[in-house]
């Protein structure tokens, strides 16, 4: 993908992917354990992904990993990781009949979040539109980074 292997992208993204996994699983586990959603909401997968967006947009350029096109697979990777956790939470709610932080009406558009339509929306929109929008924001951040930070030329 754009001159890099999947393993190179995963290796580069590892700290952020681990952050998303820890936050997402902690969020789900606390919700399943009965902690109030008003408390659990402070563990935000979206916030972890935003941290990743900013981190990747700056580090891809400053480390010489690549440029704008290498940013897109990183946005896709973090989206896939987050959507796997979110979809698991929704499916658990569907199987148990009991809402959790990922299926509660206040976090799923105001309606019943225990539906296959909700799962499908996360799988389709969460892995296409989400990464594309994140990539656009990341491109702006990278553009600013390129204007502000002068990278040293690579040694021959």
N, C-alpha and C. Protein backbone atom coordinates (compact mmCIF):
# COMPACT_ATOMS: atom_id res chain seq x y z
N UNK A 1 0.84 -1.18 0.00
CA UNK A 1 0.00 0.00 0.00
C UNK A 1 0.88 1.24 0.00
N UNK A 2 0.87 1.95 -1.08
CA UNK A 2 1.61 3.20 -1.19
C UNK A 2 3.07 3.06 -0.80
N UNK A 3 3.70 1.95 -1.21
CA UNK A 3 5.12 1.75 -0.98
C UNK A 3 5.50 1.18 0.37
N UNK A 4 4.53 0.81 1.17
CA UNK A 4 4.78 0.23 2.49
C UNK A 4 4.00 -1.07 2.61
N UNK A 5 4.50 -1.97 3.44
CA UNK A 5 3.77 -3.21 3.70
C UNK A 5 2.81 -3.00 4.86
N UNK A 6 1.85 -3.89 4.97
CA UNK A 6 0.90 -3.82 6.09
C UNK A 6 1.65 -3.89 7.41
N UNK A 7 2.66 -4.74 7.50
CA UNK A 7 3.41 -4.87 8.76
C UNK A 7 4.14 -3.57 9.10
N UNK A 8 4.61 -2.83 8.10
CA UNK A 8 5.25 -1.53 8.36
C UNK A 8 4.24 -0.54 8.93
N UNK A 9 3.04 -0.52 8.37
CA UNK A 9 1.99 0.36 8.90
C UNK A 9 1.63 -0.03 10.33
N UNK A 10 1.46 -1.31 10.57
CA UNK A 10 1.09 -1.77 11.92
C UNK A 10 2.19 -1.44 12.92
N UNK A 11 3.43 -1.65 12.52
CA UNK A 11 4.55 -1.34 13.40
C UNK A 11 4.58 0.15 13.73
N UNK A 12 4.39 0.99 12.74
CA UNK A 12 4.39 2.44 12.94
C UNK A 12 3.22 2.85 13.84
N UNK A 13 2.08 2.21 13.66
CA UNK A 13 0.86 2.59 14.36
C UNK A 13 0.70 1.93 15.73
N UNK A 14 1.58 1.01 16.07
CA UNK A 14 1.40 0.18 17.26
C UNK A 14 1.03 0.95 18.54
N UNK A 15 1.72 2.05 18.90
CA UNK A 15 1.36 2.74 20.15
C UNK A 15 -0.09 3.24 20.16
N UNK A 16 -0.54 3.76 19.04
CA UNK A 16 -1.91 4.29 18.97
C UNK A 16 -2.91 3.15 18.92
N UNK A 17 -2.61 2.10 18.18
CA UNK A 17 -3.52 0.95 18.12
C UNK A 17 -3.68 0.34 19.51
N UNK A 18 -2.59 0.25 20.26
CA UNK A 18 -2.67 -0.27 21.64
C UNK A 18 -3.50 0.66 22.52
N UNK A 19 -3.33 1.97 22.35
CA UNK A 19 -4.14 2.93 23.12
C UNK A 19 -5.63 2.72 22.82
N UNK A 20 -5.97 2.59 21.56
CA UNK A 20 -7.38 2.39 21.17
C UNK A 20 -7.91 1.08 21.76
N UNK A 21 -7.11 0.02 21.70
CA UNK A 21 -7.54 -1.27 22.25
C UNK A 21 -7.76 -1.17 23.76
N UNK A 22 -6.82 -0.57 24.47
CA UNK A 22 -6.94 -0.45 25.93
C UNK A 22 -8.16 0.38 26.30
N UNK A 23 -8.33 1.54 25.66
CA UNK A 23 -9.47 2.41 25.96
C UNK A 23 -10.78 1.71 25.59
N UNK A 24 -10.84 1.12 24.41
CA UNK A 24 -12.07 0.47 23.97
C UNK A 24 -12.48 -0.70 24.85
N UNK A 25 -11.53 -1.55 25.20
CA UNK A 25 -11.84 -2.71 26.04
C UNK A 25 -12.17 -2.27 27.47
N UNK A 26 -11.44 -1.28 27.98
CA UNK A 26 -11.76 -0.77 29.33
C UNK A 26 -13.15 -0.17 29.34
N UNK A 27 -13.49 0.57 28.31
CA UNK A 27 -14.82 1.19 28.20
C UNK A 27 -15.91 0.11 28.20
N UNK A 28 -15.71 -0.92 27.40
CA UNK A 28 -16.69 -2.00 27.34
C UNK A 28 -16.75 -2.78 28.65
N UNK A 29 -15.59 -3.11 29.21
CA UNK A 29 -15.55 -3.89 30.46
C UNK A 29 -16.22 -3.14 31.61
N UNK A 30 -15.94 -1.85 31.73
CA UNK A 30 -16.57 -1.07 32.80
C UNK A 30 -18.08 -1.00 32.62
N UNK A 31 -18.50 -0.82 31.38
CA UNK A 31 -19.93 -0.77 31.10
C UNK A 31 -20.60 -2.10 31.43
N UNK A 32 -19.98 -3.20 31.02
CA UNK A 32 -20.53 -4.54 31.31
C UNK A 32 -20.53 -4.83 32.80
N UNK A 33 -19.58 -4.23 33.53
CA UNK A 33 -19.49 -4.43 34.98
C UNK A 33 -20.53 -3.60 35.74
N UNK A 34 -21.27 -2.76 35.02
CA UNK A 34 -22.34 -2.01 35.66
C UNK A 34 -21.99 -0.57 36.03
N UNK A 35 -20.81 -0.12 35.66
CA UNK A 35 -20.46 1.28 35.92
C UNK A 35 -21.37 2.16 35.05
N UNK A 36 -21.84 3.24 35.61
CA UNK A 36 -22.77 4.13 34.92
C UNK A 36 -22.14 4.69 33.64
N UNK A 37 -22.95 4.77 32.60
CA UNK A 37 -22.47 5.32 31.33
C UNK A 37 -21.96 6.75 31.49
N UNK A 38 -22.54 7.50 32.41
CA UNK A 38 -22.09 8.88 32.63
C UNK A 38 -20.65 8.92 33.13
N UNK A 39 -20.17 7.84 33.71
CA UNK A 39 -18.78 7.73 34.14
C UNK A 39 -17.92 7.13 33.04
N UNK A 40 -18.41 6.05 32.43
CA UNK A 40 -17.65 5.32 31.41
C UNK A 40 -17.40 6.20 30.17
N UNK A 41 -18.29 7.15 29.91
CA UNK A 41 -18.14 7.97 28.70
C UNK A 41 -16.83 8.75 28.67
N UNK A 42 -16.20 8.92 29.82
CA UNK A 42 -14.93 9.66 29.87
C UNK A 42 -13.79 8.86 29.26
N UNK A 43 -13.96 7.56 29.12
CA UNK A 43 -13.01 6.74 28.36
C UNK A 43 -13.52 6.75 26.92
N UNK A 44 -12.92 7.55 26.09
CA UNK A 44 -13.45 7.79 24.76
C UNK A 44 -12.56 7.19 23.67
N UNK A 45 -13.13 6.27 22.91
CA UNK A 45 -12.44 5.71 21.76
C UNK A 45 -12.22 6.81 20.71
N UNK A 46 -13.20 7.69 20.57
CA UNK A 46 -13.07 8.80 19.62
C UNK A 46 -11.91 9.71 20.00
N UNK A 47 -11.74 9.97 21.28
CA UNK A 47 -10.62 10.81 21.72
C UNK A 47 -9.29 10.11 21.45
N UNK A 48 -9.23 8.81 21.70
CA UNK A 48 -8.01 8.05 21.42
C UNK A 48 -7.69 8.10 19.92
N UNK A 49 -8.72 8.01 19.09
CA UNK A 49 -8.51 8.09 17.65
C UNK A 49 -8.09 9.49 17.22
N UNK A 50 -8.61 10.51 17.87
CA UNK A 50 -8.19 11.87 17.55
C UNK A 50 -6.72 12.08 17.91
N UNK A 51 -6.32 11.53 19.06
CA UNK A 51 -4.90 11.57 19.44
C UNK A 51 -4.08 10.89 18.34
N UNK A 52 -4.56 9.75 17.86
CA UNK A 52 -3.87 9.04 16.78
C UNK A 52 -3.80 9.86 15.51
N UNK A 53 -4.89 10.52 15.16
CA UNK A 53 -4.92 11.35 13.96
C UNK A 53 -3.84 12.43 14.04
N UNK A 54 -3.77 13.15 15.15
CA UNK A 54 -2.78 14.21 15.30
C UNK A 54 -1.36 13.63 15.31
N UNK A 55 -1.19 12.56 16.08
CA UNK A 55 0.13 11.90 16.17
C UNK A 55 0.62 11.46 14.79
N UNK A 56 -0.24 10.74 14.06
CA UNK A 56 0.16 10.25 12.74
C UNK A 56 0.43 11.40 11.76
N UNK A 57 -0.42 12.42 11.78
CA UNK A 57 -0.28 13.53 10.84
C UNK A 57 1.05 14.25 11.03
N UNK A 58 1.54 14.28 12.25
CA UNK A 58 2.83 14.92 12.53
C UNK A 58 3.98 13.95 12.32
N UNK A 59 3.86 12.75 12.87
CA UNK A 59 4.98 11.80 12.87
C UNK A 59 5.26 11.17 11.50
N UNK A 60 4.26 11.01 10.67
CA UNK A 60 4.50 10.43 9.34
C UNK A 60 5.51 11.29 8.59
N UNK A 61 5.33 12.60 8.67
CA UNK A 61 6.27 13.50 7.99
C UNK A 61 7.59 13.63 8.74
N UNK A 62 7.53 13.89 10.04
CA UNK A 62 8.77 14.19 10.78
C UNK A 62 9.71 13.00 10.89
N UNK A 63 9.19 11.78 10.81
CA UNK A 63 10.05 10.60 10.88
C UNK A 63 10.51 10.14 9.50
N UNK A 64 9.94 10.72 8.46
CA UNK A 64 10.28 10.28 7.11
C UNK A 64 9.53 9.02 6.70
N UNK A 65 8.51 8.62 7.45
CA UNK A 65 7.72 7.43 7.12
C UNK A 65 7.00 7.60 5.78
N UNK A 66 6.64 8.84 5.48
CA UNK A 66 5.94 9.07 4.22
C UNK A 66 5.31 10.44 4.19
N UNK A 67 4.19 10.52 3.49
CA UNK A 67 3.50 11.79 3.34
C UNK A 67 1.99 11.54 3.38
N UNK A 68 1.24 12.35 2.63
CA UNK A 68 -0.22 12.31 2.70
C UNK A 68 -0.80 10.92 2.40
N UNK A 69 -0.27 10.25 1.38
CA UNK A 69 -0.86 8.97 1.00
C UNK A 69 -0.60 7.89 2.04
N UNK A 70 0.49 7.96 2.79
CA UNK A 70 0.75 6.98 3.85
C UNK A 70 -0.15 7.22 5.07
N UNK A 71 -0.71 8.41 5.16
CA UNK A 71 -1.60 8.72 6.28
C UNK A 71 -2.92 7.97 6.18
N UNK A 72 -3.41 7.76 4.96
CA UNK A 72 -4.72 7.12 4.78
C UNK A 72 -4.76 5.69 5.35
N UNK A 73 -3.81 4.81 5.05
CA UNK A 73 -3.87 3.47 5.64
C UNK A 73 -3.79 3.49 7.18
N UNK A 74 -3.09 4.46 7.73
CA UNK A 74 -3.02 4.57 9.19
C UNK A 74 -4.38 4.94 9.78
N UNK A 75 -5.09 5.84 9.10
CA UNK A 75 -6.44 6.21 9.55
C UNK A 75 -7.38 5.00 9.43
N UNK A 76 -7.21 4.25 8.36
CA UNK A 76 -8.02 3.04 8.16
C UNK A 76 -7.74 2.01 9.25
N UNK A 77 -6.47 1.79 9.55
CA UNK A 77 -6.10 0.81 10.58
C UNK A 77 -6.71 1.15 11.93
N UNK A 78 -6.58 2.40 12.34
CA UNK A 78 -7.12 2.75 13.66
C UNK A 78 -8.64 2.66 13.66
N UNK A 79 -9.26 2.94 12.52
CA UNK A 79 -10.72 2.80 12.44
C UNK A 79 -11.15 1.35 12.54
N UNK A 80 -10.45 0.47 11.85
CA UNK A 80 -10.79 -0.95 11.90
C UNK A 80 -10.66 -1.48 13.33
N UNK A 81 -9.58 -1.13 14.00
CA UNK A 81 -9.38 -1.60 15.38
C UNK A 81 -10.52 -1.11 16.28
N UNK A 82 -10.86 0.15 16.16
CA UNK A 82 -11.93 0.68 17.01
C UNK A 82 -13.28 0.06 16.66
N UNK A 83 -13.56 -0.12 15.38
CA UNK A 83 -14.85 -0.68 14.98
C UNK A 83 -15.01 -2.13 15.42
N UNK A 84 -13.94 -2.88 15.46
CA UNK A 84 -14.01 -4.27 15.94
C UNK A 84 -14.49 -4.29 17.39
N UNK A 85 -13.95 -3.40 18.20
CA UNK A 85 -14.34 -3.35 19.62
C UNK A 85 -15.78 -2.86 19.75
N UNK A 86 -16.13 -1.82 19.02
CA UNK A 86 -17.48 -1.27 19.10
C UNK A 86 -18.52 -2.28 18.63
N UNK A 87 -18.24 -2.93 17.51
CA UNK A 87 -19.17 -3.95 16.99
C UNK A 87 -19.31 -5.10 17.98
N UNK A 88 -18.20 -5.50 18.60
CA UNK A 88 -18.28 -6.55 19.63
C UNK A 88 -19.20 -6.12 20.76
N UNK A 89 -19.10 -4.87 21.18
CA UNK A 89 -19.98 -4.36 22.24
C UNK A 89 -21.44 -4.39 21.83
N UNK A 90 -21.72 -4.01 20.59
CA UNK A 90 -23.11 -4.02 20.10
C UNK A 90 -23.63 -5.45 20.02
N UNK A 91 -22.82 -6.37 19.51
CA UNK A 91 -23.24 -7.77 19.40
C UNK A 91 -23.46 -8.37 20.79
N UNK A 92 -22.61 -8.06 21.74
CA UNK A 92 -22.81 -8.53 23.12
C UNK A 92 -24.15 -8.04 23.64
N UNK A 93 -24.48 -6.78 23.38
CA UNK A 93 -25.77 -6.23 23.81
C UNK A 93 -26.92 -6.95 23.12
N UNK A 94 -26.76 -7.25 21.85
CA UNK A 94 -27.80 -7.97 21.12
C UNK A 94 -28.01 -9.37 21.70
N UNK A 95 -26.91 -10.04 22.03
CA UNK A 95 -26.99 -11.41 22.54
C UNK A 95 -27.55 -11.47 23.96
N UNK A 96 -27.21 -10.47 24.78
CA UNK A 96 -27.65 -10.47 26.18
C UNK A 96 -28.98 -9.75 26.38
N UNK A 97 -29.33 -8.90 25.42
CA UNK A 97 -30.54 -8.09 25.57
C UNK A 97 -30.35 -6.93 26.53
N UNK A 98 -29.12 -6.70 26.94
CA UNK A 98 -28.82 -5.64 27.92
C UNK A 98 -27.88 -4.62 27.28
N UNK A 99 -28.30 -3.36 27.31
CA UNK A 99 -27.48 -2.30 26.72
C UNK A 99 -26.15 -2.16 27.44
N UNK A 100 -25.14 -1.72 26.68
CA UNK A 100 -23.86 -1.30 27.25
C UNK A 100 -23.53 0.04 26.61
N UNK A 101 -22.37 0.57 26.89
CA UNK A 101 -21.99 1.90 26.41
C UNK A 101 -22.04 2.03 24.89
N UNK A 102 -21.89 0.95 24.17
CA UNK A 102 -21.89 1.00 22.71
C UNK A 102 -23.27 0.82 22.09
N UNK A 103 -24.25 0.43 22.89
CA UNK A 103 -25.59 0.21 22.35
C UNK A 103 -26.65 1.09 23.00
N UNK A 104 -26.30 1.77 24.08
CA UNK A 104 -27.27 2.61 24.79
C UNK A 104 -27.81 3.68 23.84
N UNK A 105 -29.09 4.00 23.95
CA UNK A 105 -29.70 4.97 23.03
C UNK A 105 -28.94 6.29 22.94
N UNK A 106 -28.41 6.77 24.05
CA UNK A 106 -27.72 8.08 24.03
C UNK A 106 -26.41 8.03 23.25
N UNK A 107 -25.92 6.82 22.94
CA UNK A 107 -24.69 6.68 22.18
C UNK A 107 -24.92 5.99 20.84
N UNK A 108 -26.16 5.81 20.47
CA UNK A 108 -26.45 5.15 19.19
C UNK A 108 -27.59 5.85 18.46
N UNK A 109 -27.53 7.15 18.44
CA UNK A 109 -28.49 7.93 17.66
C UNK A 109 -29.86 8.09 18.28
N UNK A 110 -30.01 7.76 19.55
CA UNK A 110 -31.28 7.96 20.23
C UNK A 110 -32.24 6.79 20.17
N UNK A 111 -31.93 5.78 19.36
CA UNK A 111 -32.82 4.62 19.24
C UNK A 111 -32.19 3.39 19.85
N UNK A 112 -32.80 2.26 19.56
CA UNK A 112 -32.28 0.98 20.04
C UNK A 112 -30.96 0.71 19.33
N UNK A 113 -29.89 0.58 20.10
CA UNK A 113 -28.58 0.33 19.53
C UNK A 113 -28.24 -1.13 19.38
N UNK A 114 -29.18 -2.00 19.72
CA UNK A 114 -28.94 -3.45 19.65
C UNK A 114 -29.51 -4.01 18.35
N UNK A 115 -29.03 -3.48 17.21
CA UNK A 115 -29.57 -3.90 15.92
C UNK A 115 -28.43 -4.20 14.94
N UNK A 116 -28.76 -5.02 13.95
CA UNK A 116 -27.79 -5.32 12.90
C UNK A 116 -27.54 -4.10 12.03
N UNK A 117 -28.53 -3.21 11.93
CA UNK A 117 -28.33 -1.97 11.18
C UNK A 117 -27.24 -1.13 11.85
N UNK A 118 -27.25 -1.07 13.17
CA UNK A 118 -26.22 -0.34 13.91
C UNK A 118 -24.85 -0.98 13.68
N UNK A 119 -24.79 -2.30 13.73
CA UNK A 119 -23.54 -3.01 13.44
C UNK A 119 -23.07 -2.67 12.03
N UNK A 120 -23.97 -2.77 11.07
CA UNK A 120 -23.63 -2.49 9.68
C UNK A 120 -23.13 -1.07 9.47
N UNK A 121 -23.76 -0.12 10.14
CA UNK A 121 -23.32 1.27 10.02
C UNK A 121 -21.89 1.42 10.50
N UNK A 122 -21.56 0.77 11.60
CA UNK A 122 -20.18 0.84 12.10
C UNK A 122 -19.21 0.16 11.14
N UNK A 123 -19.61 -0.98 10.61
CA UNK A 123 -18.72 -1.70 9.70
C UNK A 123 -18.52 -0.97 8.37
N UNK A 124 -19.57 -0.36 7.85
CA UNK A 124 -19.48 0.30 6.55
C UNK A 124 -19.01 1.75 6.70
N UNK A 125 -19.73 2.55 7.45
CA UNK A 125 -19.39 3.97 7.58
C UNK A 125 -18.14 4.16 8.44
N UNK A 126 -18.02 3.36 9.47
CA UNK A 126 -16.88 3.49 10.38
C UNK A 126 -15.56 3.09 9.78
N UNK A 127 -15.61 2.34 8.69
CA UNK A 127 -14.35 1.94 8.04
C UNK A 127 -14.15 2.60 6.67
N UNK A 128 -15.08 3.48 6.27
CA UNK A 128 -14.93 4.19 4.99
C UNK A 128 -14.99 5.70 5.20
N UNK A 129 -16.14 6.20 5.56
CA UNK A 129 -16.33 7.64 5.73
C UNK A 129 -15.47 8.17 6.88
N UNK A 130 -15.45 7.45 7.99
CA UNK A 130 -14.65 7.88 9.15
C UNK A 130 -13.18 8.08 8.81
N UNK A 131 -12.51 7.06 8.25
CA UNK A 131 -11.10 7.23 7.90
C UNK A 131 -10.85 8.32 6.85
N UNK A 132 -11.77 8.46 5.90
CA UNK A 132 -11.60 9.50 4.88
C UNK A 132 -11.67 10.90 5.48
N UNK A 133 -12.64 11.11 6.37
CA UNK A 133 -12.75 12.42 7.04
C UNK A 133 -11.53 12.66 7.93
N UNK A 134 -11.09 11.63 8.65
CA UNK A 134 -9.90 11.77 9.50
C UNK A 134 -8.68 12.07 8.64
N UNK A 135 -8.58 11.42 7.49
CA UNK A 135 -7.46 11.65 6.59
C UNK A 135 -7.43 13.10 6.11
N UNK A 136 -8.60 13.66 5.78
CA UNK A 136 -8.66 15.05 5.33
C UNK A 136 -8.17 16.00 6.42
N UNK A 137 -8.62 15.78 7.65
CA UNK A 137 -8.15 16.61 8.78
C UNK A 137 -6.65 16.39 8.98
N UNK A 138 -6.23 15.14 8.92
CA UNK A 138 -4.81 14.82 9.07
C UNK A 138 -3.95 15.47 8.00
N UNK A 139 -4.47 15.56 6.78
CA UNK A 139 -3.72 16.21 5.70
C UNK A 139 -3.50 17.69 5.99
N UNK A 140 -4.50 18.35 6.56
CA UNK A 140 -4.34 19.75 6.94
C UNK A 140 -3.27 19.88 8.02
N UNK A 141 -3.32 19.00 9.03
CA UNK A 141 -2.32 19.02 10.10
C UNK A 141 -0.93 18.74 9.52
N UNK A 142 -0.83 17.78 8.60
CA UNK A 142 0.47 17.48 8.00
C UNK A 142 0.96 18.65 7.17
N UNK A 143 0.09 19.31 6.44
CA UNK A 143 0.47 20.47 5.64
C UNK A 143 1.07 21.55 6.54
N UNK A 144 0.41 21.81 7.67
CA UNK A 144 0.93 22.80 8.63
C UNK A 144 2.29 22.33 9.16
N UNK A 145 2.38 21.05 9.49
CA UNK A 145 3.64 20.49 10.00
C UNK A 145 4.76 20.70 8.98
N UNK A 146 4.46 20.46 7.72
CA UNK A 146 5.48 20.62 6.67
C UNK A 146 5.92 22.08 6.55
N UNK A 147 5.04 23.01 6.84
CA UNK A 147 5.38 24.43 6.77
C UNK A 147 6.20 24.87 7.99
N UNK A 148 5.96 24.24 9.12
CA UNK A 148 6.57 24.66 10.38
C UNK A 148 7.86 23.91 10.69
N UNK A 149 7.89 22.62 10.38
CA UNK A 149 9.03 21.77 10.74
C UNK A 149 9.88 21.48 9.51
N UNK A 150 11.14 21.75 9.62
CA UNK A 150 12.05 21.42 8.53
C UNK A 150 12.71 20.08 8.86
N UNK A 151 12.46 19.10 8.02
CA UNK A 151 13.03 17.78 8.21
C UNK A 151 14.43 17.75 7.63
N UNK A 152 15.35 17.11 8.33
CA UNK A 152 16.71 16.96 7.84
C UNK A 152 16.70 16.00 6.66
N UNK A 153 17.49 16.29 5.61
CA UNK A 153 17.56 15.33 4.50
C UNK A 153 18.15 14.01 4.97
N UNK A 154 17.65 12.93 4.41
CA UNK A 154 18.16 11.59 4.78
C UNK A 154 19.61 11.44 4.33
N UNK A 155 20.39 10.74 5.14
CA UNK A 155 21.79 10.50 4.81
C UNK A 155 21.86 9.53 3.62
N UNK A 156 22.83 9.75 2.76
CA UNK A 156 22.95 8.92 1.56
C UNK A 156 23.53 7.57 1.85
